[in-house]
Amino acid sequence: MDFLYALVAYGLSCARIRRATGALAILAVSASLCLALPATAREIIILGFGDSLMAGYGLAPGESFPAQLEAALKARLGARVRVLDAGVSGDTSAGGRARLDWVLASLPEGPPDLLILELGANDALRGIDPALTRVNLAAILETLRDRRIPVLLAGMRAPPNMGADYARAFDAIYPELAEEYAVAAFYPFFLDGVAAERALNQADGIHPTAEGVALIVARILPSVLEALATAQHADGKEAERP
């Protein structure tokens, strides 16, 4: 099943350029975020809300996306950071919509500083009408907007076996919703660089290995830092209002 979520291949030279420019972007955003955090700042709470890709299906403790992202952020920011895992294997956009209120209400820390929304892969695998997926994701984003919880929206892509028409309708959901709801940051494809790469996926060809997750974290990290900086800026503007 490793034909699922096929990616456009990148050349080695492009990868080197991307690593170099990505490192500069991370340094710049990290510096601005650290300057915005006082020395006695409280712990930064990030909630990973998604399916098995978030839950760390088939991985050992400490190898999941939330665990590896938390380690990367602590190393980058030098601040107290926790990334909470609210991933449920097999979850669809409808399932995420149904449990969102319960998950948020169960957080003893209160609303997170950032929520990473990663849902839709199982919708596409099951051939669910993209219109329904859009409605569910929009409802989630509306709830988070109403609660003033910043969102990093992680996009998904339809598997090629669903056909071109389905892929066009499904793939368009994420950039359109990101613009409509003005999310704190948008990462176009959660599995970028990992999908369809045999060495970076488990035997099922769908779920990343620990090494695959490490690559996902490295690539999405600039977007996470961007979202945190955007959220900090928004909080500052709110505090300045009379």
Protein backbone atom coordinates (compact mmCIF):
# COMPACT_ATOMS: atom_id res chain seq x y z
CA MET A 1 0.00 0.00 0.00
CA ASP A 2 3.01 2.30 -0.27
CA PHE A 3 1.50 3.92 -3.39
CA LEU A 4 -0.74 5.91 -1.05
CA TYR A 5 -0.02 9.56 -0.54
CA ALA A 6 2.59 9.65 -3.32
CA LEU A 7 4.73 12.77 -3.33
CA VAL A 8 6.55 14.65 -6.04
CA ALA A 9 10.22 13.69 -5.76
CA TYR A 10 12.70 16.40 -4.93
CA GLY A 11 16.27 16.54 -6.25
CA LEU A 12 19.25 16.35 -3.90
CA SER A 13 20.31 19.91 -4.66
CA CYS A 14 16.83 21.22 -3.83
CA ALA A 15 16.86 19.30 -0.58
CA ARG A 16 20.16 20.92 0.39
CA ILE A 17 18.82 24.38 -0.39
CA ARG A 18 15.65 23.65 1.56
CA ARG A 19 17.63 22.49 4.60
CA ALA A 20 19.78 25.62 4.55
CA THR A 21 16.93 28.10 4.15
CA GLY A 22 14.80 26.14 6.61
CA ALA A 23 17.52 26.40 9.24
CA LEU A 24 17.70 30.18 8.79
CA ALA A 25 13.92 30.46 9.07
CA ILE A 26 13.89 28.41 12.27
CA LEU A 27 16.62 30.57 13.82
CA ALA A 28 14.80 33.79 12.95
CA VAL A 29 11.41 32.71 14.27
CA SER A 30 12.95 31.05 17.35
CA ALA A 31 14.72 34.28 18.24
CA SER A 32 11.54 36.34 17.93
CA LEU A 33 9.58 33.86 20.00
CA CYS A 34 12.19 33.67 22.74
CA LEU A 35 12.28 37.47 22.95
CA ALA A 36 8.51 37.43 23.45
CA LEU A 37 8.76 35.01 26.37
CA PRO A 38 9.75 36.44 29.77
CA ALA A 39 12.22 34.46 31.83
CA THR A 40 9.45 33.36 34.18
CA ALA A 41 7.01 32.48 31.42
CA ARG A 42 4.63 29.66 32.12
CA GLU A 43 4.86 26.36 30.31
CA ILE A 44 3.87 26.40 26.63
CA ILE A 45 1.13 23.86 25.95
CA ILE A 46 0.57 22.47 22.46
CA LEU A 47 -2.22 20.01 21.71
CA GLY A 48 -1.76 17.53 18.87
CA PHE A 49 -5.25 16.68 17.66
CA GLY A 50 -5.44 13.99 14.99
CA ASP A 51 -5.53 10.35 14.01
CA SER A 52 -2.99 7.49 14.11
CA LEU A 53 -0.33 9.72 12.54
CA MET A 54 -0.58 11.88 15.66
CA ALA A 55 -1.12 8.98 18.08
CA GLY A 56 2.12 7.25 17.06
CA TYR A 57 0.62 4.00 15.76
CA GLY A 58 3.16 1.18 15.87
CA LEU A 59 5.84 3.28 17.58
CA ALA A 60 7.55 2.95 20.93
CA PRO A 61 7.07 5.53 23.71
CA GLY A 62 9.00 8.66 22.89
CA GLU A 63 8.90 8.06 19.13
CA SER A 64 5.50 9.59 18.31
CA PHE A 65 5.09 12.96 16.63
CA PRO A 66 4.04 14.78 19.84
CA ALA A 67 6.99 13.32 21.78
CA GLN A 68 9.57 14.14 19.11
CA LEU A 69 8.13 17.60 18.50
CA GLU A 70 8.27 18.38 22.22
CA ALA A 71 11.93 17.37 22.34
CA ALA A 72 12.72 19.48 19.27
CA LEU A 73 10.95 22.54 20.69
CA LYS A 74 12.69 22.25 24.06
CA ALA A 75 16.04 22.05 22.30
CA ARG A 76 15.20 25.00 20.06
CA LEU A 77 13.51 27.37 22.52
CA GLY A 78 15.20 26.52 25.78
CA ALA A 79 11.77 26.94 27.38
CA ARG A 80 9.30 24.69 29.14
CA VAL A 81 7.14 23.07 26.45
CA ARG A 82 4.67 20.21 26.51
CA VAL A 83 3.05 18.67 23.46
CA LEU A 84 -0.06 16.73 24.47
CA ASP A 85 -1.15 13.76 22.39
CA ALA A 86 -4.85 13.81 21.46
CA GLY A 87 -4.50 11.44 18.54
CA VAL A 88 -6.91 8.54 18.05
CA SER A 89 -6.05 5.79 15.60
CA GLY A 90 -8.67 5.38 12.88
CA ASP A 91 -10.24 8.76 13.61
CA THR A 92 -11.98 10.66 10.82
CA SER A 93 -12.87 14.32 10.57
CA ALA A 94 -16.34 13.42 11.89
CA GLY A 95 -14.84 11.59 14.86
CA GLY A 96 -12.57 14.51 15.63
CA ARG A 97 -15.47 16.93 15.44
CA ALA A 98 -17.52 14.78 17.83
CA ARG A 99 -14.80 14.56 20.50
CA LEU A 100 -13.29 18.04 20.31
CA ASP A 101 -15.35 19.62 23.09
CA TRP A 102 -14.69 16.69 25.41
CA VAL A 103 -10.95 16.82 24.76
CA LEU A 104 -10.73 20.56 25.41
CA ALA A 105 -12.83 20.27 28.57
CA SER A 106 -10.57 17.50 29.89
CA LEU A 107 -7.38 19.58 29.79
CA PRO A 108 -6.43 20.51 33.37
CA GLU A 109 -4.13 23.22 32.01
CA GLY A 110 -6.99 24.98 30.27
CA PRO A 111 -6.95 25.97 26.58
CA PRO A 112 -3.67 25.15 24.84
CA ASP A 113 -1.39 27.85 23.45
CA LEU A 114 -1.57 26.11 20.07
CA LEU A 115 -3.51 23.22 18.57
CA ILE A 116 -2.06 21.23 15.69
CA LEU A 117 -4.99 19.91 13.65
CA GLU A 118 -4.12 16.78 11.67
CA LEU A 119 -7.19 14.96 10.36
CA GLY A 120 -8.57 13.72 7.07
CA ALA A 121 -6.28 10.87 6.05
CA ASN A 122 -8.86 8.24 7.04
CA ASP A 123 -11.60 10.19 5.26
CA ALA A 124 -9.63 9.90 2.03
CA LEU A 125 -8.74 6.24 2.56
CA ARG A 126 -12.43 5.47 3.05
CA GLY A 127 -13.54 7.56 0.09
CA ILE A 128 -15.71 9.85 2.21
CA ASP A 129 -17.25 12.71 0.24
CA PRO A 130 -14.77 15.63 0.42
CA ALA A 131 -17.72 17.97 1.00
CA LEU A 132 -18.41 16.18 4.30
CA THR A 133 -14.76 16.31 5.30
CA ARG A 134 -14.76 20.04 4.61
CA VAL A 135 -17.88 20.58 6.76
CA ASN A 136 -16.36 18.68 9.68
CA LEU A 137 -13.00 20.42 9.54
CA ALA A 138 -14.72 23.80 9.21
CA ALA A 139 -16.79 23.04 12.30
CA ILE A 140 -13.62 22.18 14.24
CA LEU A 141 -11.94 25.38 13.11
CA GLU A 142 -15.01 27.43 14.02
CA THR A 143 -15.03 25.98 17.52
CA LEU A 144 -11.35 26.74 17.97
CA ARG A 145 -11.78 30.26 16.59
CA ASP A 146 -14.66 30.90 18.96
CA ARG A 147 -12.48 29.74 21.86
CA ARG A 148 -9.53 31.82 20.61
CA ILE A 149 -7.26 28.78 20.34
CA PRO A 150 -4.57 29.31 17.68
CA VAL A 151 -4.36 26.55 15.08
CA LEU A 152 -1.66 25.07 12.92
CA LEU A 153 -3.58 23.28 10.17
CA ALA A 154 -1.73 20.29 8.72
CA GLY A 155 -2.97 19.35 5.28
CA MET A 156 -3.50 15.93 3.76
CA ARG A 157 -3.59 14.62 0.21
CA ALA A 158 -5.89 12.05 -1.30
CA PRO A 159 -4.39 8.70 -2.35
CA PRO A 160 -3.96 8.51 -6.14
CA ASN A 161 -6.19 5.45 -6.47
CA MET A 162 -9.21 7.62 -5.63
CA GLY A 163 -8.99 9.33 -9.00
CA ALA A 164 -8.18 12.84 -10.18
CA ASP A 165 -11.60 14.36 -9.50
CA TYR A 166 -11.65 13.14 -5.91
CA ALA A 167 -8.06 14.29 -5.36
CA ARG A 168 -8.79 17.78 -6.67
CA ALA A 169 -11.79 18.18 -4.39
CA PHE A 170 -10.08 16.69 -1.34
CA ASP A 171 -6.71 18.39 -1.68
CA ALA A 172 -8.34 21.81 -2.06
CA ILE A 173 -10.00 21.56 1.37
CA TYR A 174 -6.94 22.47 3.43
CA PRO A 175 -5.54 25.59 1.73
CA GLU A 176 -9.05 26.99 1.34
CA LEU A 177 -9.93 26.45 5.01
CA ALA A 178 -6.55 27.79 6.11
CA GLU A 179 -7.31 31.03 4.29
CA GLU A 180 -10.96 31.20 5.32
CA TYR A 181 -10.22 30.78 9.02
CA ALA A 182 -6.92 32.69 9.02
CA VAL A 183 -5.08 29.95 10.92
CA ALA A 184 -1.89 30.79 12.78
CA ALA A 185 0.08 28.65 10.33
CA PHE A 186 -0.62 26.24 7.50
CA TYR A 187 1.53 23.20 6.67
CA PRO A 188 0.33 21.88 3.29
CA PHE A 189 1.07 18.16 3.70
CA PHE A 190 1.75 16.48 7.04
CA LEU A 191 3.55 13.54 5.40
CA ASP A 192 5.76 15.65 3.17
CA GLY A 193 9.00 13.81 2.40
CA VAL A 194 7.79 10.64 4.12
CA ALA A 195 4.76 9.37 2.17
CA ALA A 196 5.59 6.57 -0.25
CA GLU A 197 9.18 6.38 1.04
CA ARG A 198 9.55 2.70 1.92
CA ALA A 199 12.49 3.21 4.27
CA LEU A 200 10.57 5.81 6.31
CA ASN A 201 7.33 3.85 6.73
CA GLN A 202 6.28 0.79 8.64
CA ALA A 203 5.34 -2.46 6.90
CA ASP A 204 1.84 -1.17 6.10
CA GLY A 205 3.35 1.55 3.91
CA ILE A 206 1.19 4.21 5.57
CA HIS A 207 2.41 4.87 9.10
CA PRO A 208 5.85 6.47 9.52
CA THR A 209 8.70 4.83 11.40
CA ALA A 210 10.46 6.73 14.17
CA GLU A 211 12.89 8.02 11.52
CA GLY A 212 9.97 9.09 9.37
CA VAL A 213 8.44 10.99 12.27
CA ALA A 214 11.78 12.69 12.90
CA LEU A 215 11.75 14.00 9.32
CA ILE A 216 8.15 15.21 9.69
CA VAL A 217 9.13 17.08 12.85
CA ALA A 218 12.15 18.65 11.19
CA ARG A 219 10.07 19.87 8.25
CA ILE A 220 7.07 21.13 10.21
CA LEU A 221 9.12 22.80 12.98
CA PRO A 222 9.37 26.20 11.22
CA SER A 223 5.58 26.24 10.86
CA VAL A 224 5.11 25.37 14.55
CA LEU A 225 7.44 28.20 15.55
CA GLU A 226 5.62 30.54 13.18
CA ALA A 227 2.28 29.59 14.73
CA LEU A 228 3.58 30.13 18.27
CA ALA A 229 5.01 33.52 17.33
CA THR A 230 1.72 34.49 15.68
CA ALA A 231 -0.19 33.40 18.79
CA GLN A 232 2.17 35.39 21.05
CA HIS A 233 1.68 38.47 18.87
CA ALA A 234 -2.10 38.07 18.96
CA ASP A 235 -2.05 37.71 22.74
CA GLY A 236 -0.03 40.89 23.01
CA LYS A 237 -2.50 42.83 20.90
CA GLU A 238 -5.39 41.55 23.02
CA ALA A 239 -3.61 42.66 26.19
CA GLU A 240 -3.08 46.15 24.77
CA ARG A 241 -6.77 46.72 24.14
CA PRO A 242 -8.50 48.98 26.73
